[in-house]
PDB file of N, CA and C in Angstrom:
ATOM      1  N   MET A   1     -20.973  -7.243  -3.296  1.00  0.00           N
ATOM      2  CA  MET A   1     -20.751  -7.813  -4.595  1.00  0.00           C
ATOM      3  C   MET A   1     -20.655  -9.338  -4.436  1.00  0.00           C
ATOM      4  N   SER A   2     -21.470 -10.051  -5.088  1.00  0.00           N
ATOM      5  CA  SER A   2     -21.432 -11.497  -4.933  1.00  0.00           C
ATOM      6  C   SER A   2     -20.525 -12.134  -5.933  1.00  0.00           C
ATOM      7  N   GLN A   3     -20.299 -11.493  -7.033  1.00  0.00           N
ATOM      8  CA  GLN A   3     -19.429 -12.049  -8.047  1.00  0.00           C
ATOM      9  C   GLN A   3     -18.357 -10.970  -8.438  1.00  0.00           C
ATOM     10  N   HIS A   4     -17.090 -11.449  -8.542  1.00  0.00           N
ATOM     11  CA  HIS A   4     -16.034 -10.516  -8.867  1.00  0.00           C
ATOM     12  C   HIS A   4     -16.279  -9.899 -10.231  1.00  0.00           C
ATOM     13  N   PRO A   5     -16.179  -8.587 -10.332  1.00  0.00           N
ATOM     14  CA  PRO A   5     -16.365  -7.949 -11.628  1.00  0.00           C
ATOM     15  C   PRO A   5     -15.237  -8.303 -12.585  1.00  0.00           C
ATOM     16  N   THR A   6     -15.515  -8.185 -13.852  1.00  0.00           N
ATOM     17  CA  THR A   6     -14.490  -8.395 -14.876  1.00  0.00           C
ATOM     18  C   THR A   6     -13.868  -7.090 -15.325  1.00  0.00           C
ATOM     19  N   VAL A   7     -12.618  -7.108 -15.515  1.00  0.00           N
ATOM     20  CA  VAL A   7     -11.870  -5.934 -15.985  1.00  0.00           C
ATOM     21  C   VAL A   7     -12.282  -5.596 -17.390  1.00  0.00           C
ATOM     22  N   GLU A   8     -12.742  -4.378 -17.599  1.00  0.00           N
ATOM     23  CA  GLU A   8     -13.139  -3.906 -18.945  1.00  0.00           C
ATOM     24  C   GLU A   8     -11.987  -3.284 -19.718  1.00  0.00           C
ATOM     25  N   ASP A   9     -11.111  -2.580 -18.922  1.00  0.00           N
ATOM     26  CA  ASP A   9     -10.031  -1.790 -19.580  1.00  0.00           C
ATOM     27  C   ASP A   9      -8.970  -1.453 -18.594  1.00  0.00           C
ATOM     28  N   VAL A  10      -7.736  -1.367 -19.077  1.00  0.00           N
ATOM     29  CA  VAL A  10      -6.610  -0.882 -18.264  1.00  0.00           C
ATOM     30  C   VAL A  10      -5.932   0.181 -19.035  1.00  0.00           C
ATOM     31  N   GLU A  11      -5.795   1.364 -18.405  1.00  0.00           N
ATOM     32  CA  GLU A  11      -5.078   2.486 -19.074  1.00  0.00           C
ATOM     33  C   GLU A  11      -3.906   2.932 -18.171  1.00  0.00           C
ATOM     34  N   GLU A  12      -2.798   3.204 -18.780  1.00  0.00           N
ATOM     35  CA  GLU A  12      -1.630   3.701 -17.998  1.00  0.00           C
ATOM     36  C   GLU A  12      -1.646   5.229 -18.107  1.00  0.00           C
ATOM     37  N   GLY A  13      -1.689   5.893 -16.947  1.00  0.00           N
ATOM     38  CA  GLY A  13      -1.619   7.326 -16.875  1.00  0.00           C
ATOM     39  C   GLY A  13      -0.207   7.730 -16.348  1.00  0.00           C
ATOM     40  N   ASP A  14      -0.075   9.005 -16.050  1.00  0.00           N
ATOM     41  CA  ASP A  14       1.213   9.485 -15.561  1.00  0.00           C
ATOM     42  C   ASP A  14       1.513   8.963 -14.182  1.00  0.00           C
ATOM     43  N   GLU A  15       0.498   8.827 -13.305  1.00  0.00           N
ATOM     44  CA  GLU A  15       0.725   8.358 -11.926  1.00  0.00           C
ATOM     45  C   GLU A  15       0.132   6.982 -11.636  1.00  0.00           C
ATOM     46  N   TYR A  16      -0.948   6.629 -12.361  1.00  0.00           N
ATOM     47  CA  TYR A  16      -1.671   5.401 -12.010  1.00  0.00           C
ATOM     48  C   TYR A  16      -1.967   4.576 -13.256  1.00  0.00           C
ATOM     49  N   TYR A  17      -2.068   3.250 -13.034  1.00  0.00           N
ATOM     50  CA  TYR A  17      -2.832   2.392 -13.938  1.00  0.00           C
ATOM     51  C   TYR A  17      -4.280   2.480 -13.550  1.00  0.00           C
ATOM     52  N   HIS A  18      -5.166   2.754 -14.382  1.00  0.00           N
ATOM     53  CA  HIS A  18      -6.592   2.859 -14.141  1.00  0.00           C
ATOM     54  C   HIS A  18      -7.215   1.544 -14.611  1.00  0.00           C
ATOM     55  N   VAL A  19      -7.532   0.683 -13.624  1.00  0.00           N
ATOM     56  CA  VAL A  19      -8.101  -0.620 -13.954  1.00  0.00           C
ATOM     57  C   VAL A  19      -9.614  -0.442 -13.807  1.00  0.00           C
ATOM     58  N   ARG A  20     -10.288  -0.417 -14.987  1.00  0.00           N
ATOM     59  CA  ARG A  20     -11.735  -0.092 -15.009  1.00  0.00           C
ATOM     60  C   ARG A  20     -12.539  -1.372 -15.093  1.00  0.00           C
ATOM     61  N   TYR A  21     -13.547  -1.503 -14.170  1.00  0.00           N
ATOM     62  CA  TYR A  21     -14.489  -2.592 -14.166  1.00  0.00           C
ATOM     63  C   TYR A  21     -15.810  -2.265 -14.740  1.00  0.00           C
ATOM     64  N   ARG A  22     -16.218  -1.045 -14.636  1.00  0.00           N
ATOM     65  CA  ARG A  22     -17.500  -0.612 -15.168  1.00  0.00           C
ATOM     66  C   ARG A  22     -17.359   0.767 -15.793  1.00  0.00           C
ATOM     67  N   ASP A  23     -18.191   1.088 -16.805  1.00  0.00           N
ATOM     68  CA  ASP A  23     -18.220   2.370 -17.531  1.00  0.00           C
ATOM     69  C   ASP A  23     -18.682   3.411 -16.511  1.00  0.00           C
ATOM     70  N   PRO A  24     -17.890   4.487 -16.401  1.00  0.00           N
ATOM     71  CA  PRO A  24     -18.305   5.584 -15.435  1.00  0.00           C
ATOM     72  C   PRO A  24     -19.644   6.177 -15.793  1.00  0.00           C
ATOM     73  N   ASP A  25     -20.093   6.087 -17.038  1.00  0.00           N
ATOM     74  CA  ASP A  25     -21.427   6.597 -17.432  1.00  0.00           C
ATOM     75  C   ASP A  25     -22.591   5.810 -16.834  1.00  0.00           C
ATOM     76  N   GLU A  26     -22.335   4.688 -16.229  1.00  0.00           N
ATOM     77  CA  GLU A  26     -23.391   3.828 -15.655  1.00  0.00           C
ATOM     78  C   GLU A  26     -23.756   4.363 -14.235  1.00  0.00           C
ATOM     79  N   PHE A  27     -23.034   5.414 -13.767  1.00  0.00           N
ATOM     80  CA  PHE A  27     -23.194   5.838 -12.400  1.00  0.00           C
ATOM     81  C   PHE A  27     -23.730   7.264 -12.274  1.00  0.00           C
ATOM     82  N   ASP A  28     -24.513   7.504 -11.270  1.00  0.00           N
ATOM     83  CA  ASP A  28     -24.953   8.870 -10.916  1.00  0.00           C
ATOM     84  C   ASP A  28     -23.813   9.635 -10.280  1.00  0.00           C
ATOM     85  N   GLU A  29     -23.032   8.915  -9.441  1.00  0.00           N
ATOM     86  CA  GLU A  29     -21.960   9.543  -8.704  1.00  0.00           C
ATOM     87  C   GLU A  29     -20.846   8.511  -8.450  1.00  0.00           C
ATOM     88  N   ILE A  30     -19.620   9.027  -8.476  1.00  0.00           N
ATOM     89  CA  ILE A  30     -18.429   8.166  -8.222  1.00  0.00           C
ATOM     90  C   ILE A  30     -17.621   8.803  -7.111  1.00  0.00           C
ATOM     91  N   ARG A  31     -17.198   7.965  -6.118  1.00  0.00           N
ATOM     92  CA  ARG A  31     -16.422   8.447  -4.965  1.00  0.00           C
ATOM     93  C   ARG A  31     -15.211   7.606  -4.727  1.00  0.00           C
ATOM     94  N   THR A  32     -14.273   8.133  -4.035  1.00  0.00           N
ATOM     95  CA  THR A  32     -13.136   7.366  -3.501  1.00  0.00           C
ATOM     96  C   THR A  32     -13.338   7.296  -1.975  1.00  0.00           C
ATOM     97  N   PRO A  33     -13.960   6.206  -1.497  1.00  0.00           N
ATOM     98  CA  PRO A  33     -14.386   6.165  -0.121  1.00  0.00           C
ATOM     99  C   PRO A  33     -13.151   5.871   0.848  1.00  0.00           C
ATOM    100  N   ASP A  34     -13.204   6.541   2.004  1.00  0.00           N
ATOM    101  CA  ASP A  34     -12.133   6.335   3.027  1.00  0.00           C
ATOM    102  C   ASP A  34     -11.995   4.836   3.451  1.00  0.00           C
ATOM    103  N   TRP A  35     -13.190   4.207   3.603  1.00  0.00           N
ATOM    104  CA  TRP A  35     -13.181   2.828   4.106  1.00  0.00           C
ATOM    105  C   TRP A  35     -12.344   1.850   3.216  1.00  0.00           C
ATOM    106  N   ALA A  36     -12.225   2.199   1.936  1.00  0.00           N
ATOM    107  CA  ALA A  36     -11.560   1.315   0.980  1.00  0.00           C
ATOM    108  C   ALA A  36     -10.037   1.457   1.016  1.00  0.00           C
ATOM    109  N   GLU A  37      -9.584   2.502   1.737  1.00  0.00           N
ATOM    110  CA  GLU A  37      -8.167   2.706   1.785  1.00  0.00           C
ATOM    111  C   GLU A  37      -7.369   1.572   2.408  1.00  0.00           C
ATOM    112  N   ASN A  38      -7.905   0.966   3.465  1.00  0.00           N
ATOM    113  CA  ASN A  38      -7.221  -0.158   4.113  1.00  0.00           C
ATOM    114  C   ASN A  38      -7.054  -1.338   3.219  1.00  0.00           C
ATOM    115  N   PRO A  39      -8.140  -1.891   2.589  1.00  0.00           N
ATOM    116  CA  PRO A  39      -7.899  -3.023   1.682  1.00  0.00           C
ATOM    117  C   PRO A  39      -7.018  -2.712   0.496  1.00  0.00           C
ATOM    118  N   ALA A  40      -7.108  -1.517   0.066  1.00  0.00           N
ATOM    119  CA  ALA A  40      -6.288  -1.104  -1.159  1.00  0.00           C
ATOM    120  C   ALA A  40      -4.824  -1.080  -0.738  1.00  0.00           C
ATOM    121  N   ASP A  41      -4.487  -0.367   0.346  1.00  0.00           N
ATOM    122  CA  ASP A  41      -3.086  -0.240   0.808  1.00  0.00           C
ATOM    123  C   ASP A  41      -2.522  -1.550   1.265  1.00  0.00           C
ATOM    124  N   SER A  42      -3.355  -2.475   1.744  1.00  0.00           N
ATOM    125  CA  SER A  42      -2.828  -3.744   2.214  1.00  0.00           C
ATOM    126  C   SER A  42      -2.327  -4.626   1.036  1.00  0.00           C
ATOM    127  N   VAL A  43      -2.851  -4.321  -0.152  1.00  0.00           N
ATOM    128  CA  VAL A  43      -2.383  -5.029  -1.320  1.00  0.00           C
ATOM    129  C   VAL A  43      -1.290  -4.276  -2.076  1.00  0.00           C
ATOM    130  N   CYS A  44      -1.513  -3.021  -2.197  1.00  0.00           N
ATOM    131  CA  CYS A  44      -0.565  -2.144  -3.025  1.00  0.00           C
ATOM    132  C   CYS A  44      -0.579  -0.724  -2.460  1.00  0.00           C
ATOM    133  N   SER A  45       0.468  -0.366  -1.778  1.00  0.00           N
ATOM    134  CA  SER A  45       0.458   0.977  -1.148  1.00  0.00           C
ATOM    135  C   SER A  45       0.239   2.100  -2.173  1.00  0.00           C
ATOM    136  N   GLY A  46      -0.676   3.022  -1.799  1.00  0.00           N
ATOM    137  CA  GLY A  46      -0.961   4.140  -2.647  1.00  0.00           C
ATOM    138  C   GLY A  46      -2.091   3.905  -3.630  1.00  0.00           C
ATOM    139  N   SER A  47      -2.693   2.710  -3.592  1.00  0.00           N
ATOM    140  CA  SER A  47      -3.780   2.379  -4.501  1.00  0.00           C
ATOM    141  C   SER A  47      -5.077   3.074  -4.009  1.00  0.00           C
ATOM    142  N   GLU A  48      -6.002   3.272  -4.989  1.00  0.00           N
ATOM    143  CA  GLU A  48      -7.277   3.923  -4.627  1.00  0.00           C
ATOM    144  C   GLU A  48      -8.385   3.134  -5.254  1.00  0.00           C
ATOM    145  N   VAL A  49      -9.503   3.082  -4.544  1.00  0.00           N
ATOM    146  CA  VAL A  49     -10.721   2.393  -5.011  1.00  0.00           C
ATOM    147  C   VAL A  49     -11.748   3.448  -5.309  1.00  0.00           C
ATOM    148  N   ARG A  50     -12.305   3.385  -6.549  1.00  0.00           N
ATOM    149  CA  ARG A  50     -13.393   4.270  -6.894  1.00  0.00           C
ATOM    150  C   ARG A  50     -14.684   3.456  -6.918  1.00  0.00           C
ATOM    151  N   THR A  51     -15.674   3.876  -6.135  1.00  0.00           N
ATOM    152  CA  THR A  51     -16.967   3.221  -6.186  1.00  0.00           C
ATOM    153  C   THR A  51     -17.995   4.157  -6.722  1.00  0.00           C
ATOM    154  N   GLY A  52     -19.063   3.537  -7.341  1.00  0.00           N
ATOM    155  CA  GLY A  52     -20.085   4.365  -7.928  1.00  0.00           C
ATOM    156  C   GLY A  52     -21.498   3.918  -7.474  1.00  0.00           C
ATOM    157  N   ASP A  53     -22.345   4.928  -7.487  1.00  0.00           N
ATOM    158  CA  ASP A  53     -23.756   4.732  -7.180  1.00  0.00           C
ATOM    159  C   ASP A  53     -24.446   4.540  -8.509  1.00  0.00           C
ATOM    160  N   GLU A  54     -24.830   3.315  -8.829  1.00  0.00           N
ATOM    161  CA  GLU A  54     -25.460   3.022 -10.111  1.00  0.00           C
ATOM    162  C   GLU A  54     -26.823   3.696 -10.282  1.00  0.00           C
ATOM    163  N   LYS A  55     -27.090   4.180 -11.414  1.00  0.00           N
ATOM    164  CA  LYS A  55     -28.314   4.835 -11.707  1.00  0.00           C
ATOM    165  C   LYS A  55     -29.498   3.934 -11.411  1.00  0.00           C
ATOM    166  N   GLY A  56     -30.441   4.413 -10.650  1.00  0.00           N
ATOM    167  CA  GLY A  56     -31.618   3.671 -10.285  1.00  0.00           C
ATOM    168  C   GLY A  56     -31.398   2.619  -9.196  1.00  0.00           C
ATOM    169  N   ASP A  57     -30.263   2.659  -8.486  1.00  0.00           N
ATOM    170  CA  ASP A  57     -29.988   1.675  -7.504  1.00  0.00           C
ATOM    171  C   ASP A  57     -29.288   2.423  -6.342  1.00  0.00           C
ATOM    172  N   ASP A  58     -29.506   1.940  -5.087  1.00  0.00           N
ATOM    173  CA  ASP A  58     -28.878   2.546  -3.956  1.00  0.00           C
ATOM    174  C   ASP A  58     -27.535   1.884  -3.551  1.00  0.00           C
ATOM    175  N   ASP A  59     -27.181   0.815  -4.276  1.00  0.00           N
ATOM    176  CA  ASP A  59     -25.946   0.069  -3.957  1.00  0.00           C
ATOM    177  C   ASP A  59     -24.750   0.752  -4.577  1.00  0.00           C
ATOM    178  N   TRP A  60     -23.616   0.793  -3.835  1.00  0.00           N
ATOM    179  CA  TRP A  60     -22.363   1.315  -4.333  1.00  0.00           C
ATOM    180  C   TRP A  60     -21.550   0.077  -4.723  1.00  0.00           C
ATOM    181  N   THR A  61     -20.926   0.178  -5.963  1.00  0.00           N
ATOM    182  CA  THR A  61     -20.096  -0.923  -6.479  1.00  0.00           C
ATOM    183  C   THR A  61     -18.775  -0.382  -6.932  1.00  0.00           C
ATOM    184  N   VAL A  62     -17.790  -1.223  -7.053  1.00  0.00           N
ATOM    185  CA  VAL A  62     -16.478  -0.856  -7.505  1.00  0.00           C
ATOM    186  C   VAL A  62     -16.541  -0.431  -8.994  1.00  0.00           C
ATOM    187  N   GLN A  63     -16.146   0.721  -9.282  1.00  0.00           N
ATOM    188  CA  GLN A  63     -16.133   1.219 -10.680  1.00  0.00           C
ATOM    189  C   GLN A  63     -14.742   1.026 -11.263  1.00  0.00           C
ATOM    190  N   SER A  64     -13.646   1.385 -10.435  1.00  0.00           N
ATOM    191  CA  SER A  64     -12.326   1.214 -10.879  1.00  0.00           C
ATOM    192  C   SER A  64     -11.349   1.158  -9.703  1.00  0.00           C
ATOM    193  N   ILE A  65     -10.155   0.682  -9.983  1.00  0.00           N
ATOM    194  CA  ILE A  65      -9.082   0.667  -9.020  1.00  0.00           C
ATOM    195  C   ILE A  65      -7.899   1.435  -9.700  1.00  0.00           C
ATOM    196  N   LEU A  66      -7.250   2.304  -8.892  1.00  0.00           N
ATOM    197  CA  LEU A  66      -6.084   3.025  -9.360  1.00  0.00           C
ATOM    198  C   LEU A  66      -4.851   2.403  -8.692  1.00  0.00           C
ATOM    199  N   ILE A  67      -3.902   1.916  -9.455  1.00  0.00           N
ATOM    200  CA  ILE A  67      -2.705   1.321  -9.008  1.00  0.00           C
ATOM    201  C   ILE A  67      -1.509   2.225  -9.416  1.00  0.00           C
ATOM    202  N   PRO A  68      -0.705   2.673  -8.395  1.00  0.00           N
ATOM    203  CA  PRO A  68       0.417   3.508  -8.775  1.00  0.00           C
ATOM    204  C   PRO A  68       1.364   2.908  -9.817  1.00  0.00           C
ATOM    205  N   VAL A  69       1.692   3.656 -10.820  1.00  0.00           N
ATOM    206  CA  VAL A  69       2.595   3.145 -11.899  1.00  0.00           C
ATOM    207  C   VAL A  69       3.888   2.639 -11.374  1.00  0.00           C
ATOM    208  N   ASP A  70       4.495   3.391 -10.384  1.00  0.00           N
ATOM    209  CA  ASP A  70       5.784   2.941  -9.827  1.00  0.00           C
ATOM    210  C   ASP A  70       5.718   1.782  -8.887  1.00  0.00           C
ATOM    211  N   ALA A  71       4.489   1.273  -8.609  1.00  0.00           N
ATOM    212  CA  ALA A  71       4.405   0.103  -7.701  1.00  0.00           C
ATOM    213  C   ALA A  71       4.330  -1.251  -8.359  1.00  0.00           C
ATOM    214  N   VAL A  72       4.169  -1.171  -9.736  1.00  0.00           N
ATOM    215  CA  VAL A  72       4.101  -2.474 -10.483  1.00  0.00           C
ATOM    216  C   VAL A  72       4.871  -2.341 -11.732  1.00  0.00           C
ATOM    217  N   ASP A  73       5.133  -3.493 -12.384  1.00  0.00           N
ATOM    218  CA  ASP A  73       5.966  -3.482 -13.580  1.00  0.00           C
ATOM    219  C   ASP A  73       5.211  -3.230 -14.887  1.00  0.00           C
ATOM    220  N   ASP A  74       3.886  -3.647 -14.935  1.00  0.00           N
ATOM    221  CA  ASP A  74       3.161  -3.443 -16.174  1.00  0.00           C
ATOM    222  C   ASP A  74       1.672  -3.544 -15.875  1.00  0.00           C
ATOM    223  N   ASP A  75       0.820  -3.406 -16.947  1.00  0.00           N
ATOM    224  CA  ASP A  75      -0.557  -3.435 -16.797  1.00  0.00           C
ATOM    225  C   ASP A  75      -1.120  -4.769 -16.322  1.00  0.00           C
ATOM    226  N   ASP A  76      -0.454  -5.847 -16.651  1.00  0.00           N
ATOM    227  CA  ASP A  76      -0.867  -7.205 -16.134  1.00  0.00           C
ATOM    228  C   ASP A  76      -0.720  -7.276 -14.634  1.00  0.00           C
ATOM    229  N   GLU A  77       0.394  -6.759 -14.119  1.00  0.00           N
ATOM    230  CA  GLU A  77       0.523  -6.768 -12.665  1.00  0.00           C
ATOM    231  C   GLU A  77      -0.417  -5.812 -11.976  1.00  0.00           C
ATOM    232  N   ALA A  78      -0.676  -4.708 -12.640  1.00  0.00           N
ATOM    233  CA  ALA A  78      -1.707  -3.762 -12.090  1.00  0.00           C
ATOM    234  C   ALA A  78      -3.062  -4.447 -11.990  1.00  0.00           C
ATOM    235  N   THR A  79      -3.407  -5.205 -13.051  1.00  0.00           N
ATOM    236  CA  THR A  79      -4.710  -5.905 -13.011  1.00  0.00           C
ATOM    237  C   THR A  79      -4.731  -6.909 -11.929  1.00  0.00           C
ATOM    238  N   GLN A  80      -3.630  -7.663 -11.763  1.00  0.00           N
ATOM    239  CA  GLN A  80      -3.593  -8.637 -10.687  1.00  0.00           C
ATOM    240  C   GLN A  80      -3.814  -7.998  -9.278  1.00  0.00           C
ATOM    241  N   LYS A  81      -3.155  -6.910  -9.027  1.00  0.00           N
ATOM    242  CA  LYS A  81      -3.284  -6.163  -7.803  1.00  0.00           C
ATOM    243  C   LYS A  81      -4.668  -5.659  -7.596  1.00  0.00           C
ATOM    244  N   ALA A  82      -5.239  -5.100  -8.673  1.00  0.00           N
ATOM    245  CA  ALA A  82      -6.664  -4.614  -8.624  1.00  0.00           C
ATOM    246  C   ALA A  82      -7.616  -5.768  -8.254  1.00  0.00           C
ATOM    247  N   GLN A  83      -7.412  -6.899  -8.842  1.00  0.00           N
ATOM    248  CA  GLN A  83      -8.306  -8.109  -8.561  1.00  0.00           C
ATOM    249  C   GLN A  83      -8.146  -8.481  -7.101  1.00  0.00           C
ATOM    250  N   GLN A  84      -6.969  -8.433  -6.514  1.00  0.00           N
ATOM    251  CA  GLN A  84      -6.719  -8.802  -5.142  1.00  0.00           C
ATOM    252  C   GLN A  84      -7.428  -7.782  -4.230  1.00  0.00           C
ATOM    253  N   ILE A  85      -7.464  -6.558  -4.614  1.00  0.00           N
ATOM    254  CA  ILE A  85      -8.128  -5.504  -3.812  1.00  0.00           C
ATOM    255  C   ILE A  85      -9.630  -5.790  -3.852  1.00  0.00           C
ATOM    256  N   VAL A  86     -10.216  -6.088  -5.022  1.00  0.00           N
ATOM    257  CA  VAL A  86     -11.621  -6.356  -5.104  1.00  0.00           C
ATOM    258  C   VAL A  86     -11.967  -7.570  -4.270  1.00  0.00           C
ATOM    259  N   GLU A  87     -11.151  -8.604  -4.271  1.00  0.00           N
ATOM    260  CA  GLU A  87     -11.424  -9.820  -3.527  1.00  0.00           C
ATOM    261  C   GLU A  87     -11.428  -9.471  -2.018  1.00  0.00           C
ATOM    262  N   LYS A  88     -10.496  -8.645  -1.553  1.00  0.00           N
ATOM    263  CA  LYS A  88     -10.462  -8.226  -0.139  1.00  0.00           C
ATOM    264  C   LYS A  88     -11.743  -7.422   0.237  1.00  0.00           C
ATOM    265  N   ILE A  89     -12.190  -6.590  -0.623  1.00  0.00           N
ATOM    266  CA  ILE A  89     -13.416  -5.834  -0.403  1.00  0.00           C
ATOM    267  C   ILE A  89     -14.555  -6.750  -0.355  1.00  0.00           C
ATOM    268  N   ASP A  90     -14.686  -7.706  -1.232  1.00  0.00           N
ATOM    269  CA  ASP A  90     -15.761  -8.691  -1.224  1.00  0.00           C
ATOM    270  C   ASP A  90     -15.825  -9.490   0.036  1.00  0.00           C
ATOM    271  N   ARG A  91     -14.665  -9.893   0.535  1.00  0.00           N
ATOM    272  CA  ARG A  91     -14.590 -10.696   1.809  1.00  0.00           C
ATOM    273  C   ARG A  91     -15.007  -9.819   2.998  1.00  0.00           C
ATOM    274  N   SER A  92     -14.846  -8.538   2.953  1.00  0.00           N
ATOM    275  CA  SER A  92     -15.147  -7.723   4.102  1.00  0.00           C
ATOM    276  C   SER A  92     -16.643  -7.353   4.122  1.00  0.00           C
ATOM    277  N   GLU A  93     -17.392  -7.585   3.078  1.00  0.00           N
ATOM    278  CA  GLU A  93     -18.805  -7.208   3.056  1.00  0.00           C
ATOM    279  C   GLU A  93     -19.661  -8.167   3.734  1.00  0.00           C
TER     280      GLU A  93
END
């Protein structure tokens, strides 16, 4: 990813803030890859990265970041943590 994606939506669930960058309907498949665990945990323990295979494309991109509700104070902090995770992933590519 050459440009950091923009947050489209943040939803608070029972266990996670779901920080969404892209509509899940844009993807053929969505996964939580093992390789993304290290950058996610280094920013916020227990976070998860969801990547998607965009329709008509072989590239996998960040679809959303899950931030544990008990790890942050509010959706603004969840968004900040998610952005830090995306930046770490971008630097590692």
